[in-house]
Amino acid sequence: MKIHELAQRTGLTPPTIRFYEKEGLLDARHVQRGENNYRYYCEEAVEHLLMVKKVQAVGFTLVELKEVIQAEEADDLPLRKKIELLSQKMQEIEKKKDELVQVQTHLARMLANKMALMDSAEKGS
């Protein structure tokens, strides 16, 4: 598929997709160049970019994402180091989840207080 179809299917813009490719988040598994120098993307590129969006949405930077991808793909990196890097990222995700739960709990209390105020104001009318 061409870049515009990939953009439609992922919700990303063509310049963003080109940037991700330049940054090494899309590689030869995901994109091929035709004789006309057009980029052609495989189906796996859609899933990969959707995963990139999800990871970014939970707060990971592109640098962190590249570290995870490179750790997974690095042939010269010892298995122990790959495990260490992936475990570290999972711990960071757990920490972010805990922080999100704390924020959600705080917002729920605020909402409950506002709803109670609204209920008492309506009963007093």
PDB file of N, CA and C in Angstrom:
ATOM      1  N   MET A   1       0.850  -1.170   0.000  1.00  0.00           N
ATOM      2  CA  MET A   1       0.000   0.000   0.000  1.00  0.00           C
ATOM      3  C   MET A   1       0.893   1.229   0.000  1.00  0.00           C
ATOM      4  N   LYS A   2       0.373   2.319  -0.522  1.00  0.00           N
ATOM      5  CA  LYS A   2       1.117   3.571  -0.552  1.00  0.00           C
ATOM      6  C   LYS A   2       0.904   4.320   0.759  1.00  0.00           C
ATOM      7  N   ILE A   3       1.673   5.371   0.941  1.00  0.00           N
ATOM      8  CA  ILE A   3       1.698   6.092   2.202  1.00  0.00           C
ATOM      9  C   ILE A   3       0.346   6.702   2.564  1.00  0.00           C
ATOM     10  N   HIS A   4      -0.418   7.151   1.583  1.00  0.00           N
ATOM     11  CA  HIS A   4      -1.708   7.774   1.900  1.00  0.00           C
ATOM     12  C   HIS A   4      -2.706   6.759   2.455  1.00  0.00           C
ATOM     13  N   GLU A   5      -2.683   5.557   1.927  1.00  0.00           N
ATOM     14  CA  GLU A   5      -3.552   4.507   2.476  1.00  0.00           C
ATOM     15  C   GLU A   5      -3.101   4.136   3.893  1.00  0.00           C
ATOM     16  N   LEU A   6      -1.796   4.036   4.088  1.00  0.00           N
ATOM     17  CA  LEU A   6      -1.266   3.740   5.424  1.00  0.00           C
ATOM     18  C   LEU A   6      -1.672   4.842   6.397  1.00  0.00           C
ATOM     19  N   ALA A   7      -1.602   6.073   5.953  1.00  0.00           N
ATOM     20  CA  ALA A   7      -1.997   7.201   6.802  1.00  0.00           C
ATOM     21  C   ALA A   7      -3.471   7.100   7.178  1.00  0.00           C
ATOM     22  N   GLN A   8      -4.311   6.779   6.228  1.00  0.00           N
ATOM     23  CA  GLN A   8      -5.745   6.634   6.513  1.00  0.00           C
ATOM     24  C   GLN A   8      -5.999   5.508   7.502  1.00  0.00           C
ATOM     25  N   ARG A   9      -5.305   4.415   7.348  1.00  0.00           N
ATOM     26  CA  ARG A   9      -5.549   3.245   8.194  1.00  0.00           C
ATOM     27  C   ARG A   9      -4.992   3.392   9.598  1.00  0.00           C
ATOM     28  N   THR A  10      -4.006   4.282   9.774  1.00  0.00           N
ATOM     29  CA  THR A  10      -3.396   4.445  11.095  1.00  0.00           C
ATOM     30  C   THR A  10      -3.790   5.746  11.781  1.00  0.00           C
ATOM     31  N   GLY A  11      -4.332   6.679  11.021  1.00  0.00           N
ATOM     32  CA  GLY A  11      -4.659   7.983  11.598  1.00  0.00           C
ATOM     33  C   GLY A  11      -3.448   8.896  11.731  1.00  0.00           C
ATOM     34  N   LEU A  12      -2.348   8.506  11.141  1.00  0.00           N
ATOM     35  CA  LEU A  12      -1.138   9.331  11.148  1.00  0.00           C
ATOM     36  C   LEU A  12      -1.050  10.108   9.839  1.00  0.00           C
ATOM     37  N   THR A  13      -0.284  11.170   9.838  1.00  0.00           N
ATOM     38  CA  THR A  13      -0.091  11.924   8.605  1.00  0.00           C
ATOM     39  C   THR A  13       1.090  11.338   7.838  1.00  0.00           C
ATOM     40  N   PRO A  14       1.113  11.526   6.510  1.00  0.00           N
ATOM     41  CA  PRO A  14       2.283  11.054   5.748  1.00  0.00           C
ATOM     42  C   PRO A  14       3.614  11.617   6.260  1.00  0.00           C
ATOM     43  N   PRO A  15       3.688  12.921   6.624  1.00  0.00           N
ATOM     44  CA  PRO A  15       4.974  13.396   7.171  1.00  0.00           C
ATOM     45  C   PRO A  15       5.380  12.673   8.464  1.00  0.00           C
ATOM     46  N   THR A  16       4.410  12.326   9.305  1.00  0.00           N
ATOM     47  CA  THR A  16       4.724  11.592  10.537  1.00  0.00           C
ATOM     48  C   THR A  16       5.254  10.205  10.204  1.00  0.00           C
ATOM     49  N   ILE A  17       4.630   9.558   9.247  1.00  0.00           N
ATOM     50  CA  ILE A  17       5.089   8.218   8.840  1.00  0.00           C
ATOM     51  C   ILE A  17       6.506   8.301   8.280  1.00  0.00           C
ATOM     52  N   ARG A  18       6.779   9.308   7.454  1.00  0.00           N
ATOM     53  CA  ARG A  18       8.133   9.480   6.916  1.00  0.00           C
ATOM     54  C   ARG A  18       9.139   9.745   8.050  1.00  0.00           C
ATOM     55  N   PHE A  19       8.727  10.541   9.023  1.00  0.00           N
ATOM     56  CA  PHE A  19       9.592  10.825  10.173  1.00  0.00           C
ATOM     57  C   PHE A  19       9.907   9.540  10.934  1.00  0.00           C
ATOM     58  N   TYR A  20       8.881   8.716  11.189  1.00  0.00           N
ATOM     59  CA  TYR A  20       9.110   7.457  11.889  1.00  0.00           C
ATOM     60  C   TYR A  20      10.075   6.565  11.110  1.00  0.00           C
ATOM     61  N   GLU A  21       9.939   6.570   9.804  1.00  0.00           N
ATOM     62  CA  GLU A  21      10.843   5.772   8.981  1.00  0.00           C
ATOM     63  C   GLU A  21      12.268   6.316   9.113  1.00  0.00           C
ATOM     64  N   LYS A  22      12.422   7.633   9.035  1.00  0.00           N
ATOM     65  CA  LYS A  22      13.732   8.260   9.153  1.00  0.00           C
ATOM     66  C   LYS A  22      14.363   7.961  10.511  1.00  0.00           C
ATOM     67  N   GLU A  23      13.527   7.898  11.549  1.00  0.00           N
ATOM     68  CA  GLU A  23      14.014   7.635  12.907  1.00  0.00           C
ATOM     69  C   GLU A  23      14.272   6.151  13.176  1.00  0.00           C
ATOM     70  N   GLY A  24      13.972   5.301  12.221  1.00  0.00           N
ATOM     71  CA  GLY A  24      14.242   3.880  12.370  1.00  0.00           C
ATOM     72  C   GLY A  24      13.120   3.079  13.000  1.00  0.00           C
ATOM     73  N   LEU A  25      11.931   3.675  13.132  1.00  0.00           N
ATOM     74  CA  LEU A  25      10.797   2.935  13.697  1.00  0.00           C
ATOM     75  C   LEU A  25      10.091   2.083  12.645  1.00  0.00           C
ATOM     76  N   LEU A  26      10.320   2.384  11.404  1.00  0.00           N
ATOM     77  CA  LEU A  26       9.874   1.535  10.296  1.00  0.00           C
ATOM     78  C   LEU A  26      11.132   1.136   9.538  1.00  0.00           C
ATOM     79  N   ASP A  27      11.269  -0.137   9.247  1.00  0.00           N
ATOM     80  CA  ASP A  27      12.465  -0.584   8.550  1.00  0.00           C
ATOM     81  C   ASP A  27      12.094  -1.389   7.311  1.00  0.00           C
ATOM     82  N   ALA A  28      13.057  -2.106   6.785  1.00  0.00           N
ATOM     83  CA  ALA A  28      12.862  -2.848   5.538  1.00  0.00           C
ATOM     84  C   ALA A  28      11.764  -3.907   5.641  1.00  0.00           C
ATOM     85  N   ARG A  29      11.426  -4.332   6.855  1.00  0.00           N
ATOM     86  CA  ARG A  29      10.315  -5.271   7.006  1.00  0.00           C
ATOM     87  C   ARG A  29       8.985  -4.600   6.705  1.00  0.00           C
ATOM     88  N   HIS A  30       8.928  -3.286   6.896  1.00  0.00           N
ATOM     89  CA  HIS A  30       7.674  -2.546   6.796  1.00  0.00           C
ATOM     90  C   HIS A  30       7.522  -1.759   5.499  1.00  0.00           C
ATOM     91  N   VAL A  31       8.631  -1.349   4.910  1.00  0.00           N
ATOM     92  CA  VAL A  31       8.568  -0.472   3.739  1.00  0.00           C
ATOM     93  C   VAL A  31       9.601  -0.883   2.698  1.00  0.00           C
ATOM     94  N   GLN A  32       9.185  -0.846   1.460  1.00  0.00           N
ATOM     95  CA  GLN A  32      10.070  -1.121   0.321  1.00  0.00           C
ATOM     96  C   GLN A  32       9.960   0.056  -0.641  1.00  0.00           C
ATOM     97  N   ARG A  33      11.016   0.315  -1.368  1.00  0.00           N
ATOM     98  CA  ARG A  33      11.010   1.363  -2.385  1.00  0.00           C
ATOM     99  C   ARG A  33      10.838   0.723  -3.751  1.00  0.00           C
ATOM    100  N   GLY A  34       9.894   1.271  -4.513  1.00  0.00           N
ATOM    101  CA  GLY A  34       9.694   0.795  -5.873  1.00  0.00           C
ATOM    102  C   GLY A  34      10.695   1.429  -6.818  1.00  0.00           C
ATOM    103  N   GLU A  35      10.667   0.996  -8.076  1.00  0.00           N
ATOM    104  CA  GLU A  35      11.572   1.574  -9.086  1.00  0.00           C
ATOM    105  C   GLU A  35      11.323   3.061  -9.258  1.00  0.00           C
ATOM    106  N   ASN A  36      10.083   3.478  -9.013  1.00  0.00           N
ATOM    107  CA  ASN A  36       9.731   4.891  -9.125  1.00  0.00           C
ATOM    108  C   ASN A  36      10.076   5.676  -7.860  1.00  0.00           C
ATOM    109  N   ASN A  37      10.719   5.006  -6.893  1.00  0.00           N
ATOM    110  CA  ASN A  37      11.136   5.565  -5.600  1.00  0.00           C
ATOM    111  C   ASN A  37       9.962   5.807  -4.653  1.00  0.00           C
ATOM    112  N   TYR A  38       8.778   5.327  -4.996  1.00  0.00           N
ATOM    113  CA  TYR A  38       7.632   5.410  -4.078  1.00  0.00           C
ATOM    114  C   TYR A  38       7.825   4.407  -2.959  1.00  0.00           C
ATOM    115  N   ARG A  39       7.317   4.751  -1.803  1.00  0.00           N
ATOM    116  CA  ARG A  39       7.340   3.820  -0.674  1.00  0.00           C
ATOM    117  C   ARG A  39       6.112   2.911  -0.784  1.00  0.00           C
ATOM    118  N   TYR A  40       6.319   1.630  -0.530  1.00  0.00           N
ATOM    119  CA  TYR A  40       5.225   0.664  -0.471  1.00  0.00           C
ATOM    120  C   TYR A  40       5.304  -0.031   0.883  1.00  0.00           C
ATOM    121  N   TYR A  41       4.190   0.002   1.604  1.00  0.00           N
ATOM    122  CA  TYR A  41       4.144  -0.519   2.965  1.00  0.00           C
ATOM    123  C   TYR A  41       3.363  -1.823   3.008  1.00  0.00           C
ATOM    124  N   CYS A  42       3.815  -2.738   3.846  1.00  0.00           N
ATOM    125  CA  CYS A  42       3.130  -4.011   4.012  1.00  0.00           C
ATOM    126  C   CYS A  42       2.067  -3.888   5.113  1.00  0.00           C
ATOM    127  N   GLU A  43       1.265  -4.906   5.235  1.00  0.00           N
ATOM    128  CA  GLU A  43       0.199  -4.932   6.237  1.00  0.00           C
ATOM    129  C   GLU A  43       0.759  -4.822   7.655  1.00  0.00           C
ATOM    130  N   GLU A  44       1.922  -5.405   7.877  1.00  0.00           N
ATOM    131  CA  GLU A  44       2.550  -5.365   9.197  1.00  0.00           C
ATOM    132  C   GLU A  44       2.853  -3.925   9.628  1.00  0.00           C
ATOM    133  N   ALA A  45       3.068  -3.036   8.666  1.00  0.00           N
ATOM    134  CA  ALA A  45       3.352  -1.629   8.992  1.00  0.00           C
ATOM    135  C   ALA A  45       2.161  -0.987   9.695  1.00  0.00           C
ATOM    136  N   VAL A  46       0.947  -1.374   9.316  1.00  0.00           N
ATOM    137  CA  VAL A  46      -0.261  -0.832   9.953  1.00  0.00           C
ATOM    138  C   VAL A  46      -0.250  -1.204  11.427  1.00  0.00           C
ATOM    139  N   GLU A  47      -0.095  -2.479  11.729  1.00  0.00           N
ATOM    140  CA  GLU A  47      -0.089  -2.942  13.116  1.00  0.00           C
ATOM    141  C   GLU A  47       1.055  -2.318  13.906  1.00  0.00           C
ATOM    142  N   HIS A  48       2.202  -2.218  13.275  1.00  0.00           N
ATOM    143  CA  HIS A  48       3.371  -1.648  13.949  1.00  0.00           C
ATOM    144  C   HIS A  48       3.128  -0.184  14.307  1.00  0.00           C
ATOM    145  N   LEU A  49       2.600   0.584  13.387  1.00  0.00           N
ATOM    146  CA  LEU A  49       2.351   2.007  13.656  1.00  0.00           C
ATOM    147  C   LEU A  49       1.236   2.201  14.674  1.00  0.00           C
ATOM    148  N   LEU A  50       0.237   1.345  14.657  1.00  0.00           N
ATOM    149  CA  LEU A  50      -0.819   1.432  15.672  1.00  0.00           C
ATOM    150  C   LEU A  50      -0.244   1.153  17.063  1.00  0.00           C
ATOM    151  N   MET A  51       0.700   0.221  17.136  1.00  0.00           N
ATOM    152  CA  MET A  51       1.363  -0.057  18.406  1.00  0.00           C
ATOM    153  C   MET A  51       2.199   1.140  18.842  1.00  0.00           C
ATOM    154  N   VAL A  52       2.887   1.779  17.912  1.00  0.00           N
ATOM    155  CA  VAL A  52       3.680   2.970  18.223  1.00  0.00           C
ATOM    156  C   VAL A  52       2.779   4.055  18.804  1.00  0.00           C
ATOM    157  N   LYS A  53       1.616   4.245  18.192  1.00  0.00           N
ATOM    158  CA  LYS A  53       0.671   5.249  18.700  1.00  0.00           C
ATOM    159  C   LYS A  53       0.221   4.928  20.117  1.00  0.00           C
ATOM    160  N   LYS A  54      -0.080   3.659  20.377  1.00  0.00           N
ATOM    161  CA  LYS A  54      -0.529   3.256  21.711  1.00  0.00           C
ATOM    162  C   LYS A  54       0.562   3.476  22.752  1.00  0.00           C
ATOM    163  N   VAL A  55       1.770   3.107  22.412  1.00  0.00           N
ATOM    164  CA  VAL A  55       2.886   3.250  23.351  1.00  0.00           C
ATOM    165  C   VAL A  55       3.130   4.730  23.637  1.00  0.00           C
ATOM    166  N   GLN A  56       3.045   5.558  22.605  1.00  0.00           N
ATOM    167  CA  GLN A  56       3.207   6.999  22.815  1.00  0.00           C
ATOM    168  C   GLN A  56       2.064   7.552  23.662  1.00  0.00           C
ATOM    169  N   ALA A  57       0.864   7.047  23.456  1.00  0.00           N
ATOM    170  CA  ALA A  57      -0.298   7.539  24.193  1.00  0.00           C
ATOM    171  C   ALA A  57      -0.172   7.300  25.694  1.00  0.00           C
ATOM    172  N   VAL A  58       0.555   6.269  26.076  1.00  0.00           N
ATOM    173  CA  VAL A  58       0.734   6.008  27.508  1.00  0.00           C
ATOM    174  C   VAL A  58       1.981   6.682  28.063  1.00  0.00           C
ATOM    175  N   GLY A  59       2.627   7.521  27.247  1.00  0.00           N
ATOM    176  CA  GLY A  59       3.696   8.344  27.779  1.00  0.00           C
ATOM    177  C   GLY A  59       5.108   7.990  27.378  1.00  0.00           C
ATOM    178  N   PHE A  60       5.292   6.991  26.546  1.00  0.00           N
ATOM    179  CA  PHE A  60       6.640   6.651  26.124  1.00  0.00           C
ATOM    180  C   PHE A  60       7.103   7.610  25.039  1.00  0.00           C
ATOM    181  N   THR A  61       8.355   7.986  25.113  1.00  0.00           N
ATOM    182  CA  THR A  61       8.932   8.828  24.076  1.00  0.00           C
ATOM    183  C   THR A  61       9.381   7.947  22.914  1.00  0.00           C
ATOM    184  N   LEU A  62       9.665   8.573  21.788  1.00  0.00           N
ATOM    185  CA  LEU A  62      10.179   7.811  20.649  1.00  0.00           C
ATOM    186  C   LEU A  62      11.541   7.207  20.972  1.00  0.00           C
ATOM    187  N   VAL A  63      12.340   7.903  21.755  1.00  0.00           N
ATOM    188  CA  VAL A  63      13.653   7.384  22.153  1.00  0.00           C
ATOM    189  C   VAL A  63      13.475   6.089  22.951  1.00  0.00           C
ATOM    190  N   GLU A  64      12.546   6.100  23.908  1.00  0.00           N
ATOM    191  CA  GLU A  64      12.287   4.902  24.711  1.00  0.00           C
ATOM    192  C   GLU A  64      11.770   3.769  23.830  1.00  0.00           C
ATOM    193  N   LEU A  65      10.895   4.089  22.914  1.00  0.00           N
ATOM    194  CA  LEU A  65      10.354   3.070  22.017  1.00  0.00           C
ATOM    195  C   LEU A  65      11.454   2.476  21.155  1.00  0.00           C
ATOM    196  N   LYS A  66      12.338   3.324  20.646  1.00  0.00           N
ATOM    197  CA  LYS A  66      13.452   2.827  19.842  1.00  0.00           C
ATOM    198  C   LYS A  66      14.339   1.910  20.667  1.00  0.00           C
ATOM    199  N   GLU A  67      14.544   2.236  21.938  1.00  0.00           N
ATOM    200  CA  GLU A  67      15.367   1.384  22.813  1.00  0.00           C
ATOM    201  C   GLU A  67      14.765  -0.011  22.908  1.00  0.00           C
ATOM    202  N   VAL A  68      13.453  -0.076  23.094  1.00  0.00           N
ATOM    203  CA  VAL A  68      12.785  -1.374  23.213  1.00  0.00           C
ATOM    204  C   VAL A  68      12.905  -2.156  21.910  1.00  0.00           C
ATOM    205  N   ILE A  69      12.640  -1.484  20.800  1.00  0.00           N
ATOM    206  CA  ILE A  69      12.718  -2.156  19.492  1.00  0.00           C
ATOM    207  C   ILE A  69      14.147  -2.621  19.225  1.00  0.00           C
ATOM    208  N   GLN A  70      15.114  -1.751  19.483  1.00  0.00           N
ATOM    209  CA  GLN A  70      16.511  -2.117  19.246  1.00  0.00           C
ATOM    210  C   GLN A  70      16.961  -3.239  20.174  1.00  0.00           C
ATOM    211  N   ALA A  71      16.490  -3.217  21.408  1.00  0.00           N
ATOM    212  CA  ALA A  71      16.845  -4.286  22.337  1.00  0.00           C
ATOM    213  C   ALA A  71      16.314  -5.623  21.841  1.00  0.00           C
ATOM    214  N   GLU A  72      15.118  -5.596  21.284  1.00  0.00           N
ATOM    215  CA  GLU A  72      14.516  -6.825  20.786  1.00  0.00           C
ATOM    216  C   GLU A  72      15.249  -7.342  19.552  1.00  0.00           C
ATOM    217  N   GLU A  73      15.691  -6.425  18.705  1.00  0.00           N
ATOM    218  CA  GLU A  73      16.253  -6.824  17.414  1.00  0.00           C
ATOM    219  C   GLU A  73      17.768  -6.949  17.394  1.00  0.00           C
ATOM    220  N   ALA A  74      18.439  -6.420  18.399  1.00  0.00           N
ATOM    221  CA  ALA A  74      19.906  -6.394  18.392  1.00  0.00           C
ATOM    222  C   ALA A  74      20.472  -7.801  18.504  1.00  0.00           C
ATOM    223  N   ASP A  75      21.180  -8.204  17.486  1.00  0.00           N
ATOM    224  CA  ASP A  75      21.814  -9.529  17.512  1.00  0.00           C
ATOM    225  C   ASP A  75      23.053  -9.524  18.386  1.00  0.00           C
ATOM    226  N   ASP A  76      23.682  -8.349  18.519  1.00  0.00           N
ATOM    227  CA  ASP A  76      24.924  -8.274  19.281  1.00  0.00           C
ATOM    228  C   ASP A  76      24.684  -8.044  20.772  1.00  0.00           C
ATOM    229  N   LEU A  77      23.439  -7.839  21.165  1.00  0.00           N
ATOM    230  CA  LEU A  77      23.116  -7.587  22.565  1.00  0.00           C
ATOM    231  C   LEU A  77      22.884  -8.929  23.270  1.00  0.00           C
ATOM    232  N   PRO A  78      23.562  -9.160  24.385  1.00  0.00           N
ATOM    233  CA  PRO A  78      23.371 -10.425  25.104  1.00  0.00           C
ATOM    234  C   PRO A  78      21.923 -10.570  25.583  1.00  0.00           C
ATOM    235  N   LEU A  79      21.460 -11.794  25.635  1.00  0.00           N
ATOM    236  CA  LEU A  79      20.089 -12.080  26.045  1.00  0.00           C
ATOM    237  C   LEU A  79      19.804 -11.492  27.426  1.00  0.00           C
ATOM    238  N   ARG A  80      20.756 -11.570  28.324  1.00  0.00           N
ATOM    239  CA  ARG A  80      20.576 -11.020  29.682  1.00  0.00           C
ATOM    240  C   ARG A  80      20.302  -9.516  29.621  1.00  0.00           C
ATOM    241  N   LYS A  81      20.995  -8.798  28.746  1.00  0.00           N
ATOM    242  CA  LYS A  81      20.810  -7.348  28.611  1.00  0.00           C
ATOM    243  C   LYS A  81      19.434  -7.046  27.998  1.00  0.00           C
ATOM    244  N   LYS A  82      19.007  -7.848  27.022  1.00  0.00           N
ATOM    245  CA  LYS A  82      17.677  -7.675  26.434  1.00  0.00           C
ATOM    246  C   LYS A  82      16.605  -7.842  27.509  1.00  0.00           C
ATOM    247  N   ILE A  83      16.762  -8.872  28.327  1.00  0.00           N
ATOM    248  CA  ILE A  83      15.800  -9.135  29.399  1.00  0.00           C
ATOM    249  C   ILE A  83      15.790  -7.974  30.384  1.00  0.00           C
ATOM    250  N   GLU A  84      16.959  -7.480  30.716  1.00  0.00           N
ATOM    251  CA  GLU A  84      17.069  -6.355  31.652  1.00  0.00           C
ATOM    252  C   GLU A  84      16.358  -5.109  31.106  1.00  0.00           C
ATOM    253  N   LEU A  85      16.597  -4.777  29.842  1.00  0.00           N
ATOM    254  CA  LEU A  85      15.974  -3.601  29.237  1.00  0.00           C
ATOM    255  C   LEU A  85      14.455  -3.738  29.170  1.00  0.00           C
ATOM    256  N   LEU A  86      13.989  -4.906  28.744  1.00  0.00           N
ATOM    257  CA  LEU A  86      12.539  -5.121  28.645  1.00  0.00           C
ATOM    258  C   LEU A  86      11.891  -5.121  30.031  1.00  0.00           C
ATOM    259  N   SER A  87      12.548  -5.703  31.011  1.00  0.00           N
ATOM    260  CA  SER A  87      12.019  -5.690  32.383  1.00  0.00           C
ATOM    261  C   SER A  87      11.939  -4.270  32.919  1.00  0.00           C
ATOM    262  N   GLN A  88      12.958  -3.486  32.634  1.00  0.00           N
ATOM    263  CA  GLN A  88      12.973  -2.082  33.074  1.00  0.00           C
ATOM    264  C   GLN A  88      11.793  -1.323  32.466  1.00  0.00           C
ATOM    265  N   LYS A  89      11.524  -1.535  31.193  1.00  0.00           N
ATOM    266  CA  LYS A  89      10.406  -0.850  30.542  1.00  0.00           C
ATOM    267  C   LYS A  89       9.078  -1.299  31.151  1.00  0.00           C
ATOM    268  N   MET A  90       8.973  -2.577  31.466  1.00  0.00           N
ATOM    269  CA  MET A  90       7.739  -3.069  32.081  1.00  0.00           C
ATOM    270  C   MET A  90       7.544  -2.450  33.461  1.00  0.00           C
ATOM    271  N   GLN A  91       8.623  -2.274  34.219  1.00  0.00           N
ATOM    272  CA  GLN A  91       8.528  -1.616  35.528  1.00  0.00           C
ATOM    273  C   GLN A  91       8.089  -0.161  35.370  1.00  0.00           C
ATOM    274  N   GLU A  92       8.593   0.497  34.342  1.00  0.00           N
ATOM    275  CA  GLU A  92       8.190   1.883  34.084  1.00  0.00           C
ATOM    276  C   GLU A  92       6.696   1.959  33.747  1.00  0.00           C
ATOM    277  N   ILE A  93       6.216   0.989  32.991  1.00  0.00           N
ATOM    278  CA  ILE A  93       4.786   0.951  32.652  1.00  0.00           C
ATOM    279  C   ILE A  93       3.962   0.756  33.926  1.00  0.00           C
ATOM    280  N   GLU A  94       4.397  -0.147  34.801  1.00  0.00           N
ATOM    281  CA  GLU A  94       3.685  -0.372  36.067  1.00  0.00           C
ATOM    282  C   GLU A  94       3.614   0.907  36.883  1.00  0.00           C
ATOM    283  N   LYS A  95       4.724   1.630  36.924  1.00  0.00           N
ATOM    284  CA  LYS A  95       4.755   2.886  37.674  1.00  0.00           C
ATOM    285  C   LYS A  95       3.764   3.883  37.070  1.00  0.00           C
ATOM    286  N   LYS A  96       3.740   3.979  35.751  1.00  0.00           N
ATOM    287  CA  LYS A  96       2.808   4.892  35.088  1.00  0.00           C
ATOM    288  C   LYS A  96       1.364   4.471  35.330  1.00  0.00           C
ATOM    289  N   LYS A  97       1.117   3.157  35.345  1.00  0.00           N
ATOM    290  CA  LYS A  97      -0.239   2.678  35.637  1.00  0.00           C
ATOM    291  C   LYS A  97      -0.657   3.095  37.038  1.00  0.00           C
ATOM    292  N   ASP A  98       0.247   2.928  38.006  1.00  0.00           N
ATOM    293  CA  ASP A  98      -0.040   3.319  39.386  1.00  0.00           C
ATOM    294  C   ASP A  98      -0.347   4.816  39.470  1.00  0.00           C
ATOM    295  N   GLU A  99       0.438   5.623  38.766  1.00  0.00           N
ATOM    296  CA  GLU A  99       0.206   7.066  38.765  1.00  0.00           C
ATOM    297  C   GLU A  99      -1.149   7.400  38.151  1.00  0.00           C
ATOM    298  N   LEU A 100      -1.510   6.719  37.079  1.00  0.00           N
ATOM    299  CA  LEU A 100      -2.812   6.957  36.441  1.00  0.00           C
ATOM    300  C   LEU A 100      -3.961   6.567  37.368  1.00  0.00           C
ATOM    301  N   VAL A 101      -3.807   5.482  38.096  1.00  0.00           N
ATOM    302  CA  VAL A 101      -4.844   5.064  39.044  1.00  0.00           C
ATOM    303  C   VAL A 101      -5.002   6.124  40.132  1.00  0.00           C
ATOM    304  N   GLN A 102      -3.895   6.680  40.612  1.00  0.00           N
ATOM    305  CA  GLN A 102      -3.964   7.733  41.622  1.00  0.00           C
ATOM    306  C   GLN A 102      -4.704   8.957  41.093  1.00  0.00           C
ATOM    307  N   VAL A 103      -4.395   9.360  39.878  1.00  0.00           N
ATOM    308  CA  VAL A 103      -5.063  10.519  39.278  1.00  0.00           C
ATOM    309  C   VAL A 103      -6.546  10.214  39.078  1.00  0.00           C
ATOM    310  N   GLN A 104      -6.857   9.022  38.613  1.00  0.00           N
ATOM    311  CA  GLN A 104      -8.253   8.637  38.401  1.00  0.00           C
ATOM    312  C   GLN A 104      -9.021   8.650  39.718  1.00  0.00           C
ATOM    313  N   THR A 105      -8.424   8.162  40.783  1.00  0.00           N
ATOM    314  CA  THR A 105      -9.067   8.164  42.095  1.00  0.00           C
ATOM    315  C   THR A 105      -9.335   9.595  42.557  1.00  0.00           C
ATOM    316  N   HIS A 106      -8.376  10.458  42.373  1.00  0.00           N
ATOM    317  CA  HIS A 106      -8.541  11.865  42.750  1.00  0.00           C
ATOM    318  C   HIS A 106      -9.675  12.510  41.941  1.00  0.00           C
ATOM    319  N   LEU A 107      -9.701  12.263  40.651  1.00  0.00           N
ATOM    320  CA  LEU A 107     -10.759  12.826  39.807  1.00  0.00           C
ATOM    321  C   LEU A 107     -12.131  12.275  40.180  1.00  0.00           C
ATOM    322  N   ALA A 108     -12.190  11.009  40.539  1.00  0.00           N
ATOM    323  CA  ALA A 108     -13.465  10.406  40.952  1.00  0.00           C
ATOM    324  C   ALA A 108     -13.989  11.074  42.212  1.00  0.00           C
ATOM    325  N   ARG A 109     -13.084  11.367  43.160  1.00  0.00           N
ATOM    326  CA  ARG A 109     -13.505  12.081  44.373  1.00  0.00           C
ATOM    327  C   ARG A 109     -14.005  13.480  44.050  1.00  0.00           C
ATOM    328  N   MET A 110     -13.298  14.177  43.175  1.00  0.00           N
ATOM    329  CA  MET A 110     -13.720  15.517  42.775  1.00  0.00           C
ATOM    330  C   MET A 110     -15.101  15.466  42.119  1.00  0.00           C
ATOM    331  N   LEU A 111     -15.298  14.504  41.244  1.00  0.00           N
ATOM    332  CA  LEU A 111     -16.583  14.350  40.558  1.00  0.00           C
ATOM    333  C   LEU A 111     -17.696  14.053  41.555  1.00  0.00           C
ATOM    334  N   ALA A 112     -17.434  13.154  42.491  1.00  0.00           N
ATOM    335  CA  ALA A 112     -18.444  12.812  43.497  1.00  0.00           C
ATOM    336  C   ALA A 112     -18.816  14.037  44.324  1.00  0.00           C
ATOM    337  N   ASN A 113     -17.828  14.839  44.698  1.00  0.00           N
ATOM    338  CA  ASN A 113     -18.108  16.064  45.455  1.00  0.00           C
ATOM    339  C   ASN A 113     -18.957  17.039  44.645  1.00  0.00           C
ATOM    340  N   LYS A 114     -18.633  17.210  43.381  1.00  0.00           N
ATOM    341  CA  LYS A 114     -19.392  18.134  42.528  1.00  0.00           C
ATOM    342  C   LYS A 114     -20.821  17.638  42.332  1.00  0.00           C
ATOM    343  N   MET A 115     -20.978  16.336  42.158  1.00  0.00           N
ATOM    344  CA  MET A 115     -22.318  15.772  41.974  1.00  0.00           C
ATOM    345  C   MET A 115     -23.141  15.934  43.256  1.00  0.00           C
ATOM    346  N   ALA A 116     -22.501  15.758  44.418  1.00  0.00           N
ATOM    347  CA  ALA A 116     -23.200  15.934  45.692  1.00  0.00           C
ATOM    348  C   ALA A 116     -23.629  17.388  45.857  1.00  0.00           C
ATOM    349  N   LEU A 117     -22.771  18.318  45.466  1.00  0.00           N
ATOM    350  CA  LEU A 117     -23.135  19.737  45.525  1.00  0.00           C
ATOM    351  C   LEU A 117     -24.321  20.041  44.605  1.00  0.00           C
ATOM    352  N   MET A 118     -24.298  19.462  43.418  1.00  0.00           N
ATOM    353  CA  MET A 118     -25.387  19.676  42.472  1.00  0.00           C
ATOM    354  C   MET A 118     -26.696  19.092  43.001  1.00  0.00           C
ATOM    355  N   ASP A 119     -26.603  17.891  43.591  1.00  0.00           N
ATOM    356  CA  ASP A 119     -27.805  17.244  44.159  1.00  0.00           C
ATOM    357  C   ASP A 119     -28.395  18.098  45.291  1.00  0.00           C
ATOM    358  N   SER A 120     -27.520  18.587  46.169  1.00  0.00           N
ATOM    359  CA  SER A 120     -28.026  19.388  47.297  1.00  0.00           C
ATOM    360  C   SER A 120     -28.575  20.725  46.820  1.00  0.00           C
ATOM    361  N   ALA A 121     -27.983  21.293  45.767  1.00  0.00           N
ATOM    362  CA  ALA A 121     -28.502  22.555  45.227  1.00  0.00           C
ATOM    363  C   ALA A 121     -29.873  22.350  44.587  1.00  0.00           C
ATOM    364  N   GLU A 122     -30.052  21.197  43.907  1.00  0.00           N
ATOM    365  CA  GLU A 122     -31.333  20.920  43.263  1.00  0.00           C
ATOM    366  C   GLU A 122     -32.413  20.626  44.306  1.00  0.00           C
ATOM    367  N   LYS A 123     -32.044  19.972  45.394  1.00  0.00           N
ATOM    368  CA  LYS A 123     -33.030  19.696  46.452  1.00  0.00           C
ATOM    369  C   LYS A 123     -33.414  20.968  47.192  1.00  0.00           C
ATOM    370  N   GLY A 124     -32.497  21.903  47.287  1.00  0.00           N
ATOM    371  CA  GLY A 124     -32.777  23.155  47.988  1.00  0.00           C
ATOM    372  C   GLY A 124     -33.601  24.129  47.144  1.00  0.00           C
ATOM    373  N   SER A 125     -33.754  23.856  45.866  1.00  0.00           N
ATOM    374  CA  SER A 125     -34.514  24.759  44.995  1.00  0.00           C
ATOM    375  C   SER A 125     -35.990  24.617  45.131  1.00  0.00           C
TER     376      SER A 125
END
